[in-house]
Protein backbone atom coordinates (compact mmCIF):
# COMPACT_ATOMS: atom_id res chain seq x y z
CA MET A 1 119.09 85.28 59.24
CA ARG A 2 120.49 83.29 62.16
CA ILE A 3 118.88 84.31 65.46
CA LEU A 4 119.84 83.30 69.00
CA ILE A 5 117.15 83.45 71.67
CA THR A 6 117.56 83.36 75.44
CA ASN A 7 115.73 84.56 78.56
CA ASP A 8 115.93 84.74 82.35
CA ASP A 9 112.78 82.74 83.16
CA GLY A 10 114.38 79.45 82.12
CA ILE A 11 114.39 77.07 79.17
CA ASN A 12 110.84 75.82 79.86
CA ALA A 13 109.23 79.24 80.32
CA PRO A 14 106.16 80.00 78.15
CA GLY A 15 107.60 83.39 77.20
CA LEU A 16 110.52 81.63 75.50
CA GLU A 17 108.05 79.70 73.34
CA VAL A 18 106.47 83.01 72.37
CA LEU A 19 109.91 84.41 71.51
CA HIS A 20 110.76 81.32 69.43
CA ALA A 21 107.65 81.92 67.32
CA ILE A 22 108.55 85.61 66.91
CA ALA A 23 112.14 84.75 65.99
CA THR A 24 111.00 82.10 63.50
CA ASP A 25 108.85 84.74 61.78
CA ILE A 26 111.80 87.16 61.62
CA ALA A 27 114.32 84.53 60.46
CA GLY A 28 112.15 83.40 57.55
CA ASP A 29 112.10 80.11 55.70
CA THR A 30 115.84 80.10 55.05
CA GLY A 31 116.86 81.28 58.52
CA GLU A 32 117.74 79.52 61.75
CA VAL A 33 116.62 80.00 65.35
CA TRP A 34 118.93 78.73 68.09
CA THR A 35 118.12 78.60 71.79
CA VAL A 36 120.62 78.81 74.64
CA ALA A 37 118.69 79.56 77.82
CA PRO A 38 119.18 79.08 81.56
CA ALA A 39 118.43 75.60 82.87
CA PHE A 40 116.62 77.22 85.82
CA GLU A 41 114.95 80.56 86.43
CA GLN A 42 117.42 83.45 86.72
CA SER A 43 115.10 86.41 87.29
CA GLY A 44 116.70 89.44 88.87
CA VAL A 45 120.33 88.46 88.25
CA GLY A 46 121.01 91.46 86.03
CA HIS A 47 124.25 91.20 84.07
CA CYS A 48 125.70 88.58 86.41
CA ILE A 49 128.27 86.15 84.98
CA SER A 50 129.51 82.89 86.51
CA TYR A 51 133.10 84.05 86.83
CA THR A 52 134.20 81.80 89.68
CA HIS A 53 132.67 78.45 88.67
CA PRO A 54 132.09 76.52 85.43
CA THR A 55 128.80 76.43 83.53
CA MET A 56 127.42 73.06 82.48
CA ILE A 57 125.63 73.07 79.12
CA SER A 58 123.29 70.38 77.80
CA GLU A 59 121.70 69.84 74.40
CA PHE A 60 117.93 69.41 74.74
CA GLY A 61 117.19 69.02 71.04
CA PRO A 62 118.10 70.40 67.62
CA ARG A 63 119.41 73.96 68.08
CA ARG A 64 118.20 73.92 71.71
CA PHE A 65 120.59 74.11 74.66
CA ALA A 66 120.30 74.78 78.39
CA ALA A 67 123.14 76.25 80.45
CA GLU A 68 123.39 76.15 84.24
CA GLY A 69 124.11 79.84 84.48
CA SER A 70 122.80 83.36 84.02
CA PRO A 71 121.34 84.86 80.84
CA ALA A 72 124.67 86.61 80.20
CA ASP A 73 126.41 83.22 80.63
CA CYS A 74 124.06 81.81 77.99
CA VAL A 75 125.03 84.51 75.50
CA ILE A 76 128.73 83.91 76.14
CA ALA A 77 128.22 80.14 75.84
CA ALA A 78 126.40 80.57 72.55
CA LEU A 79 128.97 82.91 71.01
CA HIS A 80 132.07 81.06 72.20
CA ASP A 81 130.91 77.45 72.07
CA VAL A 82 127.55 76.51 70.55
CA LEU A 83 127.68 79.01 67.66
CA MET A 84 131.39 79.74 67.73
CA ASP A 85 131.87 79.03 64.00
CA THR A 86 128.50 80.38 62.85
CA PRO A 87 127.69 83.46 64.97
CA PRO A 88 124.14 84.81 65.08
CA ASP A 89 123.04 87.93 63.24
CA LEU A 90 120.69 88.92 66.06
CA ILE A 91 120.13 88.02 69.71
CA LEU A 92 116.65 88.26 71.23
CA SER A 93 116.05 87.97 74.97
CA GLY A 94 112.67 87.26 76.58
CA VAL A 95 109.77 87.38 76.37
CA ASN A 96 110.03 88.17 80.06
CA LYS A 97 107.10 87.38 82.36
CA GLY A 98 106.58 90.89 83.72
CA ASN A 99 107.79 94.32 82.72
CA ASN A 100 111.38 95.50 82.54
CA SER A 101 110.48 99.17 82.39
CA ALA A 102 111.89 101.95 84.58
CA GLU A 103 114.11 100.79 87.47
CA ASN A 104 113.29 97.12 86.74
CA THR A 105 115.73 97.44 83.85
CA LEU A 106 118.63 97.51 86.30
CA TYR A 107 117.72 94.22 87.96
CA SER A 108 116.70 92.30 84.86
CA GLY A 109 118.47 89.19 83.62
CA THR A 110 116.57 89.66 80.36
CA ILE A 111 118.33 92.99 79.93
CA GLY A 112 121.60 91.43 81.16
CA ALA A 113 121.61 89.08 78.18
CA ALA A 114 121.11 92.00 75.78
CA ILE A 115 123.90 93.94 77.47
CA GLU A 116 126.30 91.02 77.05
CA ALA A 117 125.30 90.63 73.41
CA ALA A 118 125.99 94.31 72.78
CA ILE A 119 129.37 94.12 74.53
CA GLN A 120 130.19 91.14 72.31
CA GLY A 121 129.24 93.23 69.27
CA VAL A 122 126.03 91.42 68.29
CA PRO A 123 122.74 93.30 67.70
CA ALA A 124 120.35 92.60 70.56
CA ILE A 125 116.76 93.32 71.60
CA ALA A 126 115.18 92.50 74.97
CA LEU A 127 111.41 91.94 75.10
CA SER A 128 109.14 91.90 78.16
CA GLN A 129 105.41 91.56 78.75
CA TYR A 130 103.86 93.90 81.34
CA TYR A 131 101.28 92.22 83.60
CA GLY A 132 98.14 93.92 84.88
CA PRO A 133 94.35 93.60 85.19
CA GLY A 134 93.98 93.90 81.42
CA ASN A 135 95.86 90.71 80.58
CA VAL A 136 96.48 88.64 83.71
CA SER A 137 93.27 86.63 83.19
CA LEU A 138 93.78 86.05 79.45
CA GLU A 139 94.34 82.50 78.25
CA ASN A 140 97.54 83.78 76.63
CA GLN A 141 98.98 86.43 78.92
CA PHE A 142 101.66 87.11 76.28
CA GLU A 143 99.02 87.96 73.67
CA ALA A 144 100.29 91.51 73.05
CA ALA A 145 103.87 90.33 72.62
CA SER A 146 102.81 87.43 70.40
CA ALA A 147 100.77 89.64 68.09
CA HIS A 148 103.08 92.66 67.87
CA GLY A 149 106.57 91.34 68.60
CA ALA A 150 107.73 90.60 65.06
CA ASP A 151 106.47 93.97 63.78
CA VAL A 152 108.32 95.88 66.51
CA ILE A 153 111.56 94.01 65.83
CA ARG A 154 111.30 94.69 62.09
CA LYS A 155 110.79 98.39 62.78
CA ILE A 156 113.90 98.48 64.99
CA LEU A 157 115.95 96.58 62.41
CA SER A 158 114.87 99.05 59.71
CA THR A 159 116.12 102.04 61.72
CA PRO A 160 119.25 103.59 60.14
CA ASP A 161 122.40 102.77 62.12
CA ALA A 162 120.30 100.87 64.65
CA PHE A 163 123.25 99.12 66.30
CA THR A 164 126.31 101.10 65.24
CA SER A 165 127.14 103.34 68.22
CA HIS A 166 130.75 103.33 69.37
CA PRO A 167 132.43 102.07 71.46
CA TYR A 168 129.46 100.67 73.41
CA LYS A 169 126.98 99.16 70.98
CA LEU A 170 123.30 100.00 71.17
CA PHE A 171 120.70 97.47 72.25
CA TYR A 172 116.95 97.88 72.67
CA ASN A 173 114.51 97.38 75.53
CA VAL A 174 110.95 96.61 74.38
CA ASN A 175 108.00 96.37 76.79
CA PHE A 176 104.48 95.35 75.75
CA PRO A 177 101.53 96.90 77.63
CA PRO A 178 99.30 94.87 79.99
CA LEU A 179 96.46 94.61 77.50
CA PRO A 180 94.93 92.21 74.98
CA ALA A 181 96.61 92.49 71.59
CA ALA A 182 93.64 94.25 69.98
CA GLU A 183 93.75 97.06 72.56
CA VAL A 184 97.40 98.00 72.04
CA LYS A 185 97.42 101.62 70.84
CA GLY A 186 100.77 101.67 69.03
CA ILE A 187 104.52 101.99 69.57
CA ARG A 188 106.42 104.78 71.32
CA ALA A 189 110.16 105.48 71.34
CA VAL A 190 110.77 106.65 74.91
CA ALA A 191 113.40 106.99 77.62
CA GLN A 192 113.87 104.75 80.63
CA GLY A 193 111.74 106.07 83.46
CA PHE A 194 111.70 106.03 87.25
CA ARG A 195 108.62 105.23 89.34
CA GLU A 196 108.52 108.00 91.92
CA GLY A 197 107.26 106.80 95.29
CA GLY A 198 106.91 103.18 94.27
CA THR A 199 110.48 102.14 93.72
CA GLY A 200 113.12 99.84 95.03
CA MET A 201 113.24 96.33 96.41
CA GLY A 202 112.42 95.59 100.02
CA MET A 203 112.97 92.75 102.48
CA ARG A 204 110.60 90.69 104.61
CA ALA A 205 111.71 88.47 107.47
CA ASP A 206 110.19 85.04 108.14
CA THR A 207 110.98 82.37 110.68
CA ALA A 208 111.23 78.76 109.51
CA PRO A 209 109.78 75.83 111.55
CA ASN A 210 113.29 75.09 112.82
CA GLY A 211 113.51 78.60 114.26
CA ARG A 212 115.97 79.97 111.73
CA LYS A 213 115.42 83.42 110.30
CA PHE A 214 115.13 83.89 106.53
CA LEU A 215 114.84 87.09 104.50
CA TRP A 216 112.69 87.34 101.37
CA ILE A 217 113.09 90.03 98.72
CA THR A 218 109.88 91.97 98.09
CA GLY A 219 109.02 94.00 95.02
CA SER A 220 107.39 97.39 94.62
CA ALA A 221 104.22 98.73 92.98
CA GLN A 222 104.26 98.25 89.21
CA ASN A 223 101.18 100.32 88.36
CA VAL A 224 103.03 103.59 88.99
CA PRO A 225 103.82 105.82 85.96
CA SER A 226 107.39 106.93 85.39
CA GLY A 227 107.11 110.44 83.98
CA ASP A 228 106.36 111.93 80.57
CA ASN A 229 107.85 110.23 77.52
CA THR A 230 109.16 107.25 79.50
CA ASP A 231 108.64 103.51 79.32
CA ALA A 232 106.35 102.57 82.22
CA THR A 233 104.07 105.52 81.53
CA ALA A 234 103.78 104.54 77.87
CA ASN A 235 103.01 100.94 78.81
CA LEU A 236 100.34 101.91 81.33
CA ASP A 237 98.83 104.20 78.67
CA GLY A 238 98.50 101.22 76.32
CA TYR A 239 101.60 101.60 74.15
CA ILE A 240 104.56 99.37 73.36
CA SER A 241 107.70 101.11 74.56
CA VAL A 242 111.01 100.92 72.71
CA THR A 243 114.08 102.35 74.47
CA PRO A 244 117.55 102.48 72.91
CA MET A 245 120.23 101.70 75.48
CA ARG A 246 123.96 101.21 75.87
CA ALA A 247 126.09 99.83 78.69
CA ASP A 248 127.87 103.12 79.41
CA LEU A 249 126.94 104.22 82.94
CA THR A 250 128.84 107.50 82.84
CA ALA A 251 126.84 110.50 84.11
CA TYR A 252 128.09 112.87 81.42
CA ASP A 253 126.08 115.78 82.80
CA ARG A 254 128.20 115.65 85.98
CA LEU A 255 131.68 115.35 84.46
CA SER A 256 132.35 119.07 84.11
CA SER A 257 131.35 120.02 87.65
CA LEU A 258 133.23 117.01 89.05
CA LYS A 259 136.39 118.08 87.19
CA ASP A 260 136.07 121.57 88.66
CA ALA A 261 135.71 120.16 92.16
CA ILE A 262 138.48 117.55 92.24
CA GLU A 263 141.14 118.48 89.70
């Protein structure tokens, strides 16, 4: 199996090393693992692409490339340049430093890479490591992802018709709980949630020494559950969450009433 890995934390991020080890396990002795990752951190860029300016790409070593662009740019660069003649069988994105559960999914460059892979027709899985009191002081904060990542991916790959939806292909969002590996309770297939009362980005103003005003994005509480049978709740309860997704944003439950109102 030929696997492409990428992320949004940058080519030198420790989570990418964790993902390389997971991908090497999945690929096997006869497989290949290729890396095309952002040259610099791209957290929070979502599915952004560098449409109005070129993307420089550099080879850092065998099968290892850095692109000055977003995670989605990296996927496009891999499929249409680096691996143009030998496309990957699977694209893995992560392991993100922090969770991409609930509303975080919409901001995530890690998810953006998986979305682009799915649009390009390549099976894709995004992986993220929740942070919390149970793992933030561990020597390896990615311990849960390191220990359980390959098993989760194999389970997804063994699912019948795992990536065959049409026309928008399925991809998967995996989040590991904020716990040591030995305390992970299992895996749950759940929906994307929404953290009631603790959601949304904010803004904080600061004044620089030269008197100019700057605005800093602020996050929201991450220890808030997201409802029954959803990702953040499962993670906070000690489970790995797996959520099937597709890049179709249509609110199908509203189509009928909208037709009645406007047509």
